[in-house]
PDB file of N, CA and C in Angstrom:
ATOM      1  N   MET A   1      -0.574 -10.440 -60.981  1.00  0.00           N
ATOM      2  CA  MET A   1      -1.184 -10.864 -62.462  1.00  0.00           C
ATOM      3  C   MET A   1      -2.337 -10.489 -62.273  1.00  0.00           C
ATOM      4  N   ILE A   2      -3.116 -10.628 -61.293  1.00  0.00           N
ATOM      5  CA  ILE A   2      -4.796 -10.551 -61.566  1.00  0.00           C
ATOM      6  C   ILE A   2      -5.127  -9.131 -62.304  1.00  0.00           C
ATOM      7  N   LYS A   3      -4.167  -8.107 -60.834  1.00  0.00           N
ATOM      8  CA  LYS A   3      -4.380  -6.472 -61.160  1.00  0.00           C
ATOM      9  C   LYS A   3      -3.873  -6.388 -62.230  1.00  0.00           C
ATOM     10  N   LYS A   4      -3.069  -7.016 -62.625  1.00  0.00           N
ATOM     11  CA  LYS A   4      -2.856  -5.595 -63.984  1.00  0.00           C
ATOM     12  C   LYS A   4      -3.817  -6.645 -64.869  1.00  0.00           C
ATOM     13  N   LEU A   5      -4.235  -7.895 -64.962  1.00  0.00           N
ATOM     14  CA  LEU A   5      -4.818  -7.952 -66.379  1.00  0.00           C
ATOM     15  C   LEU A   5      -6.524  -7.414 -65.747  1.00  0.00           C
ATOM     16  N   ARG A   6      -6.296  -7.387 -64.837  1.00  0.00           N
ATOM     17  CA  ARG A   6      -8.009  -6.380 -64.963  1.00  0.00           C
ATOM     18  C   ARG A   6      -7.736  -5.059 -65.579  1.00  0.00           C
ATOM     19  N   GLU A   7      -7.086  -4.134 -64.680  1.00  0.00           N
ATOM     20  CA  GLU A   7      -6.456  -2.616 -65.293  1.00  0.00           C
ATOM     21  C   GLU A   7      -5.955  -2.576 -66.928  1.00  0.00           C
ATOM     22  N   ASP A   8      -5.251  -3.881 -67.617  1.00  0.00           N
ATOM     23  CA  ASP A   8      -5.634  -4.141 -69.048  1.00  0.00           C
ATOM     24  C   ASP A   8      -7.008  -4.331 -69.108  1.00  0.00           C
ATOM     25  N   GLU A   9      -7.494  -4.832 -69.199  1.00  0.00           N
ATOM     26  CA  GLU A   9      -8.948  -5.081 -69.289  1.00  0.00           C
ATOM     27  C   GLU A   9     -10.072  -3.566 -69.491  1.00  0.00           C
ATOM     28  N   LEU A  10      -9.343  -2.711 -68.834  1.00  0.00           N
ATOM     29  CA  LEU A  10     -10.325  -1.341 -67.894  1.00  0.00           C
ATOM     30  C   LEU A  10     -11.543  -1.821 -67.032  1.00  0.00           C
ATOM     31  N   LEU A  11     -11.425  -3.085 -66.720  1.00  0.00           N
ATOM     32  CA  LEU A  11     -11.971  -3.229 -65.516  1.00  0.00           C
ATOM     33  C   LEU A  11     -12.176  -2.523 -64.090  1.00  0.00           C
ATOM     34  N   THR A  12     -13.121  -2.304 -62.837  1.00  0.00           N
ATOM     35  CA  THR A  12     -13.088  -2.105 -61.506  1.00  0.00           C
ATOM     36  C   THR A  12     -12.812  -2.999 -60.955  1.00  0.00           C
ATOM     37  N   GLN A  13     -12.141  -3.070 -59.526  1.00  0.00           N
ATOM     38  CA  GLN A  13     -12.666  -4.136 -58.939  1.00  0.00           C
ATOM     39  C   GLN A  13     -14.580  -4.595 -58.535  1.00  0.00           C
ATOM     40  N   LYS A  14     -15.283  -3.893 -58.282  1.00  0.00           N
ATOM     41  CA  LYS A  14     -16.289  -3.890 -58.803  1.00  0.00           C
ATOM     42  C   LYS A  14     -16.729  -4.597 -59.789  1.00  0.00           C
ATOM     43  N   GLU A  15     -16.612  -3.499 -60.889  1.00  0.00           N
ATOM     44  CA  GLU A  15     -16.784  -4.444 -62.445  1.00  0.00           C
ATOM     45  C   GLU A  15     -16.735  -5.894 -62.231  1.00  0.00           C
ATOM     46  N   LEU A  16     -15.443  -6.544 -62.232  1.00  0.00           N
ATOM     47  CA  LEU A  16     -15.203  -7.736 -62.032  1.00  0.00           C
ATOM     48  C   LEU A  16     -15.767  -8.203 -60.703  1.00  0.00           C
ATOM     49  N   CYS A  17     -15.388  -8.353 -60.146  1.00  0.00           N
ATOM     50  CA  CYS A  17     -16.819  -9.125 -58.684  1.00  0.00           C
ATOM     51  C   CYS A  17     -17.982  -8.581 -59.051  1.00  0.00           C
ATOM     52  N   LYS A  18     -18.076  -7.945 -60.104  1.00  0.00           N
ATOM     53  CA  LYS A  18     -20.593  -8.416 -60.335  1.00  0.00           C
ATOM     54  C   LYS A  18     -20.217  -9.258 -61.422  1.00  0.00           C
ATOM     55  N   LYS A  19     -19.279  -9.559 -62.388  1.00  0.00           N
ATOM     56  CA  LYS A  19     -19.812 -10.041 -63.385  1.00  0.00           C
ATOM     57  C   LYS A  19     -19.185 -11.898 -62.666  1.00  0.00           C
ATOM     58  N   ILE A  20     -18.512 -12.279 -61.387  1.00  0.00           N
ATOM     59  CA  ILE A  20     -17.859 -13.155 -61.166  1.00  0.00           C
ATOM     60  C   ILE A  20     -19.014 -13.645 -59.362  1.00  0.00           C
ATOM     61  N   GLY A  21     -19.155 -13.231 -58.900  1.00  0.00           N
ATOM     62  CA  GLY A  21     -19.596 -13.419 -57.866  1.00  0.00           C
ATOM     63  C   GLY A  21     -19.026 -13.282 -56.668  1.00  0.00           C
ATOM     64  N   MET A  22     -18.128 -12.745 -56.373  1.00  0.00           N
ATOM     65  CA  MET A  22     -17.311 -12.557 -56.097  1.00  0.00           C
ATOM     66  C   MET A  22     -17.255 -10.919 -54.466  1.00  0.00           C
ATOM     67  N   TRP A  23     -17.054 -11.316 -53.847  1.00  0.00           N
ATOM     68  CA  TRP A  23     -16.988 -10.865 -52.646  1.00  0.00           C
ATOM     69  C   TRP A  23     -16.038  -9.327 -52.809  1.00  0.00           C
ATOM     70  N   GLN A  24     -15.032  -7.152 -52.546  1.00  0.00           N
ATOM     71  CA  GLN A  24     -14.542  -6.997 -52.997  1.00  0.00           C
ATOM     72  C   GLN A  24     -12.951  -7.057 -52.860  1.00  0.00           C
ATOM     73  N   GLY A  25     -13.672  -7.184 -50.999  1.00  0.00           N
ATOM     74  CA  GLY A  25     -12.584  -7.771 -50.094  1.00  0.00           C
ATOM     75  C   GLY A  25     -11.386  -8.911 -50.739  1.00  0.00           C
ATOM     76  N   GLU A  26     -12.545 -10.002 -51.346  1.00  0.00           N
ATOM     77  CA  GLU A  26     -11.432 -10.527 -51.388  1.00  0.00           C
ATOM     78  C   GLU A  26     -11.132 -11.167 -53.056  1.00  0.00           C
ATOM     79  N   LEU A  27     -10.889  -9.968 -53.582  1.00  0.00           N
ATOM     80  CA  LEU A  27     -11.043 -10.357 -54.082  1.00  0.00           C
ATOM     81  C   LEU A  27      -9.358  -8.942 -54.654  1.00  0.00           C
ATOM     82  N   SER A  28      -9.178  -8.435 -53.459  1.00  0.00           N
ATOM     83  CA  SER A  28      -8.650  -7.570 -53.407  1.00  0.00           C
ATOM     84  C   SER A  28      -6.983  -7.781 -52.342  1.00  0.00           C
ATOM     85  N   LYS A  29      -7.668  -8.983 -51.534  1.00  0.00           N
ATOM     86  CA  LYS A  29      -6.613 -10.014 -51.283  1.00  0.00           C
ATOM     87  C   LYS A  29      -6.087 -10.987 -52.161  1.00  0.00           C
ATOM     88  N   TYR A  30      -6.386 -11.340 -53.016  1.00  0.00           N
ATOM     89  CA  TYR A  30      -6.001 -11.808 -54.582  1.00  0.00           C
ATOM     90  C   TYR A  30      -4.459 -11.171 -55.176  1.00  0.00           C
ATOM     91  N   GLU A  31      -5.458  -9.786 -55.510  1.00  0.00           N
ATOM     92  CA  GLU A  31      -4.625  -8.682 -56.584  1.00  0.00           C
ATOM     93  C   GLU A  31      -3.213  -8.225 -55.136  1.00  0.00           C
ATOM     94  N   ASN A  32      -2.817  -8.620 -53.887  1.00  0.00           N
ATOM     95  CA  ASN A  32      -2.196  -7.843 -53.240  1.00  0.00           C
ATOM     96  C   ASN A  32      -1.596  -9.086 -52.668  1.00  0.00           C
ATOM     97  N   ASP A  33      -1.631 -10.174 -53.107  1.00  0.00           N
ATOM     98  CA  ASP A  33      -0.783 -11.332 -52.561  1.00  0.00           C
ATOM     99  C   ASP A  33      -1.518 -11.375 -50.982  1.00  0.00           C
ATOM    100  N   LYS A  34      -2.112 -11.440 -50.443  1.00  0.00           N
ATOM    101  CA  LYS A  34      -3.051 -11.357 -50.011  1.00  0.00           C
ATOM    102  C   LYS A  34      -2.756 -12.626 -48.821  1.00  0.00           C
ATOM    103  N   MET A  35      -3.838 -13.535 -50.049  1.00  0.00           N
ATOM    104  CA  MET A  35      -4.410 -14.967 -49.948  1.00  0.00           C
ATOM    105  C   MET A  35      -4.400 -15.694 -51.999  1.00  0.00           C
ATOM    106  N   SER A  36      -4.411 -16.569 -51.699  1.00  0.00           N
ATOM    107  CA  SER A  36      -3.978 -16.913 -53.304  1.00  0.00           C
ATOM    108  C   SER A  36      -5.353 -17.854 -53.924  1.00  0.00           C
ATOM    109  N   PRO A  37      -5.785 -17.559 -54.103  1.00  0.00           N
ATOM    110  CA  PRO A  37      -7.037 -18.317 -55.314  1.00  0.00           C
ATOM    111  C   PRO A  37      -6.812 -20.134 -55.411  1.00  0.00           C
ATOM    112  N   SER A  38      -7.589 -20.728 -55.517  1.00  0.00           N
ATOM    113  CA  SER A  38      -7.827 -21.698 -55.303  1.00  0.00           C
ATOM    114  C   SER A  38      -7.644 -22.034 -57.163  1.00  0.00           C
ATOM    115  N   ILE A  39      -7.747 -23.401 -57.731  1.00  0.00           N
ATOM    116  CA  ILE A  39      -6.558 -22.680 -59.597  1.00  0.00           C
ATOM    117  C   ILE A  39      -8.822 -22.967 -60.099  1.00  0.00           C
ATOM    118  N   ASN A  40      -9.767 -23.423 -58.991  1.00  0.00           N
ATOM    119  CA  ASN A  40     -10.893 -22.693 -58.887  1.00  0.00           C
ATOM    120  C   ASN A  40     -11.596 -21.713 -59.634  1.00  0.00           C
ATOM    121  N   THR A  41     -11.119 -21.044 -58.529  1.00  0.00           N
ATOM    122  CA  THR A  41     -11.148 -19.236 -58.569  1.00  0.00           C
ATOM    123  C   THR A  41     -10.702 -18.392 -58.954  1.00  0.00           C
ATOM    124  N   LEU A  42      -9.292 -19.043 -59.561  1.00  0.00           N
ATOM    125  CA  LEU A  42      -8.604 -18.529 -60.048  1.00  0.00           C
ATOM    126  C   LEU A  42      -9.176 -18.313 -61.696  1.00  0.00           C
ATOM    127  N   GLU A  43      -9.797 -19.631 -62.318  1.00  0.00           N
ATOM    128  CA  GLU A  43     -10.047 -19.677 -64.088  1.00  0.00           C
ATOM    129  C   GLU A  43     -11.156 -19.094 -64.049  1.00  0.00           C
ATOM    130  N   LYS A  44     -12.175 -19.179 -62.896  1.00  0.00           N
ATOM    131  CA  LYS A  44     -12.893 -17.613 -63.398  1.00  0.00           C
ATOM    132  C   LYS A  44     -13.060 -16.334 -63.006  1.00  0.00           C
ATOM    133  N   ILE A  45     -11.484 -16.334 -62.827  1.00  0.00           N
ATOM    134  CA  ILE A  45     -11.973 -14.774 -63.160  1.00  0.00           C
ATOM    135  C   ILE A  45     -10.898 -14.645 -64.068  1.00  0.00           C
ATOM    136  N   LEU A  46     -10.330 -15.076 -64.515  1.00  0.00           N
ATOM    137  CA  LEU A  46      -9.117 -14.768 -65.778  1.00  0.00           C
ATOM    138  C   LEU A  46     -10.440 -14.972 -65.948  1.00  0.00           C
ATOM    139  N   LYS A  47     -11.645 -16.314 -66.338  1.00  0.00           N
ATOM    140  CA  LYS A  47     -12.663 -16.202 -67.795  1.00  0.00           C
ATOM    141  C   LYS A  47     -13.434 -15.368 -67.610  1.00  0.00           C
ATOM    142  N   ALA A  48     -13.915 -14.625 -66.711  1.00  0.00           N
ATOM    143  CA  ALA A  48     -14.550 -13.575 -66.729  1.00  0.00           C
ATOM    144  C   ALA A  48     -14.238 -11.804 -67.009  1.00  0.00           C
ATOM    145  N   MET A  49     -12.415 -12.358 -67.804  1.00  0.00           N
ATOM    146  CA  MET A  49     -11.788 -11.145 -68.337  1.00  0.00           C
ATOM    147  C   MET A  49     -12.016 -11.911 -70.014  1.00  0.00           C
ATOM    148  N   GLY A  50     -12.323 -13.032 -70.100  1.00  0.00           N
ATOM    149  CA  GLY A  50     -11.499 -13.490 -71.555  1.00  0.00           C
ATOM    150  C   GLY A  50     -10.102 -13.920 -71.848  1.00  0.00           C
ATOM    151  N   TYR A  51     -10.063 -14.480 -70.581  1.00  0.00           N
ATOM    152  CA  TYR A  51      -8.549 -15.463 -70.397  1.00  0.00           C
ATOM    153  C   TYR A  51      -8.662 -16.634 -70.402  1.00  0.00           C
ATOM    154  N   LYS A  52      -7.804 -18.160 -70.797  1.00  0.00           N
ATOM    155  CA  LYS A  52      -7.774 -19.143 -69.695  1.00  0.00           C
ATOM    156  C   LYS A  52      -6.435 -19.254 -69.452  1.00  0.00           C
ATOM    157  N   LEU A  53      -6.136 -20.056 -68.284  1.00  0.00           N
ATOM    158  CA  LEU A  53      -5.530 -20.730 -67.509  1.00  0.00           C
ATOM    159  C   LEU A  53      -5.170 -21.921 -68.216  1.00  0.00           C
ATOM    160  N   LEU A  54      -3.859 -22.249 -68.441  1.00  0.00           N
ATOM    161  CA  LEU A  54      -3.385 -22.674 -69.111  1.00  0.00           C
ATOM    162  C   LEU A  54      -2.397 -23.725 -68.018  1.00  0.00           C
ATOM    163  N   ILE A  55      -1.660 -24.582 -67.499  1.00  0.00           N
ATOM    164  CA  ILE A  55      -1.250 -25.270 -66.257  1.00  0.00           C
ATOM    165  C   ILE A  55      -0.224 -26.171 -67.029  1.00  0.00           C
ATOM    166  N   ASN A  56       1.077 -26.246 -66.884  1.00  0.00           N
ATOM    167  CA  ASN A  56       2.129 -27.807 -67.370  1.00  0.00           C
ATOM    168  C   ASN A  56       1.877 -28.435 -65.985  1.00  0.00           C
ATOM    169  N   VAL A  57       2.290 -29.862 -66.165  1.00  0.00           N
ATOM    170  CA  VAL A  57       2.507 -30.185 -64.983  1.00  0.00           C
ATOM    171  C   VAL A  57       3.317 -30.874 -65.175  1.00  0.00           C
ATOM    172  N   GLY A  58       4.657 -31.021 -64.991  1.00  0.00           N
ATOM    173  CA  GLY A  58       5.729 -30.988 -64.550  1.00  0.00           C
ATOM    174  C   GLY A  58       6.021 -32.404 -64.029  1.00  0.00           C
ATOM    175  N   GLU A  59       6.945 -33.174 -64.318  1.00  0.00           N
ATOM    176  CA  GLU A  59       7.930 -35.112 -63.789  1.00  0.00           C
ATOM    177  C   GLU A  59       7.248 -35.315 -62.740  1.00  0.00           C
ATOM    178  N   ASN A  60       6.933 -36.494 -62.656  1.00  0.00           N
ATOM    179  CA  ASN A  60       6.115 -37.313 -61.368  1.00  0.00           C
ATOM    180  C   ASN A  60       4.732 -36.412 -60.749  1.00  0.00           C
ATOM    181  N   ASP A  61       4.494 -35.874 -62.022  1.00  0.00           N
ATOM    182  CA  ASP A  61       3.459 -35.437 -61.097  1.00  0.00           C
ATOM    183  C   ASP A  61       3.151 -34.380 -59.952  1.00  0.00           C
ATOM    184  N   GLU A  62       4.087 -33.521 -60.167  1.00  0.00           N
ATOM    185  CA  GLU A  62       4.513 -31.852 -59.614  1.00  0.00           C
ATOM    186  C   GLU A  62       3.712 -31.342 -60.220  1.00  0.00           C
ATOM    187  N   TRP A  63       2.708 -30.634 -59.978  1.00  0.00           N
ATOM    188  CA  TRP A  63       2.892 -29.050 -60.446  1.00  0.00           C
ATOM    189  C   TRP A  63       3.957 -27.685 -60.354  1.00  0.00           C
ATOM    190  N   ARG A  64       3.856 -26.884 -61.194  1.00  0.00           N
ATOM    191  CA  ARG A  64       4.493 -26.232 -61.554  1.00  0.00           C
ATOM    192  C   ARG A  64       4.249 -24.639 -61.783  1.00  0.00           C
ATOM    193  N   LYS A  65       4.527 -24.083 -61.880  1.00  0.00           N
ATOM    194  CA  LYS A  65       3.738 -22.592 -61.704  1.00  0.00           C
ATOM    195  C   LYS A  65       3.293 -22.279 -62.883  1.00  0.00           C
ATOM    196  N   ILE A  66       2.400 -21.189 -62.804  1.00  0.00           N
ATOM    197  CA  ILE A  66       1.313 -21.502 -64.413  1.00  0.00           C
ATOM    198  C   ILE A  66       2.233 -20.999 -64.916  1.00  0.00           C
ATOM    199  N   ILE A  67       2.321 -21.363 -66.503  1.00  0.00           N
ATOM    200  CA  ILE A  67       3.387 -20.591 -66.890  1.00  0.00           C
ATOM    201  C   ILE A  67       2.767 -20.040 -68.036  1.00  0.00           C
ATOM    202  N   ARG A  68       1.204 -19.478 -68.426  1.00  0.00           N
ATOM    203  CA  ARG A  68       0.694 -18.669 -68.914  1.00  0.00           C
ATOM    204  C   ARG A  68      -0.313 -18.516 -69.157  1.00  0.00           C
ATOM    205  N   VAL A  69      -0.802 -17.452 -69.809  1.00  0.00           N
ATOM    206  CA  VAL A  69      -2.603 -16.847 -69.528  1.00  0.00           C
ATOM    207  C   VAL A  69      -2.408 -16.739 -71.100  1.00  0.00           C
ATOM    208  N   GLU A  70      -3.596 -16.817 -71.467  1.00  0.00           N
ATOM    209  CA  GLU A  70      -4.151 -16.891 -72.891  1.00  0.00           C
ATOM    210  C   GLU A  70      -5.433 -15.872 -73.312  1.00  0.00           C
ATOM    211  N   ALA A  71      -5.230 -14.552 -74.121  1.00  0.00           N
ATOM    212  CA  ALA A  71      -7.246 -14.543 -74.427  1.00  0.00           C
ATOM    213  C   ALA A  71      -7.392 -14.979 -75.231  1.00  0.00           C
ATOM    214  N   CYS A  72      -8.822 -14.969 -74.506  1.00  0.00           N
ATOM    215  CA  CYS A  72     -10.287 -16.123 -75.620  1.00  0.00           C
ATOM    216  C   CYS A  72     -10.299 -15.169 -76.638  1.00  0.00           C
ATOM    217  N   PHE A  73      -9.820 -14.693 -77.248  1.00  0.00           N
ATOM    218  CA  PHE A  73     -10.842 -14.010 -78.014  1.00  0.00           C
ATOM    219  C   PHE A  73     -10.894 -14.448 -79.392  1.00  0.00           C
TER     220      PHE A  73
END
């Protein structure tokens, strides 16, 4: 998801990493599903691209999958 959104925004990994202060290798691992970002990190990445993270909390306070990323334009 991160890679697709980044490419849709015409950003290189290097450009996005500079915006958020992250190592390019770390972003690459997130984009290639070799590592999962924390919710805070994911929110930071998305915010830098103009998106916000919306999370649904399911019954009995069990976390469900992220259901939607919305543009903040």
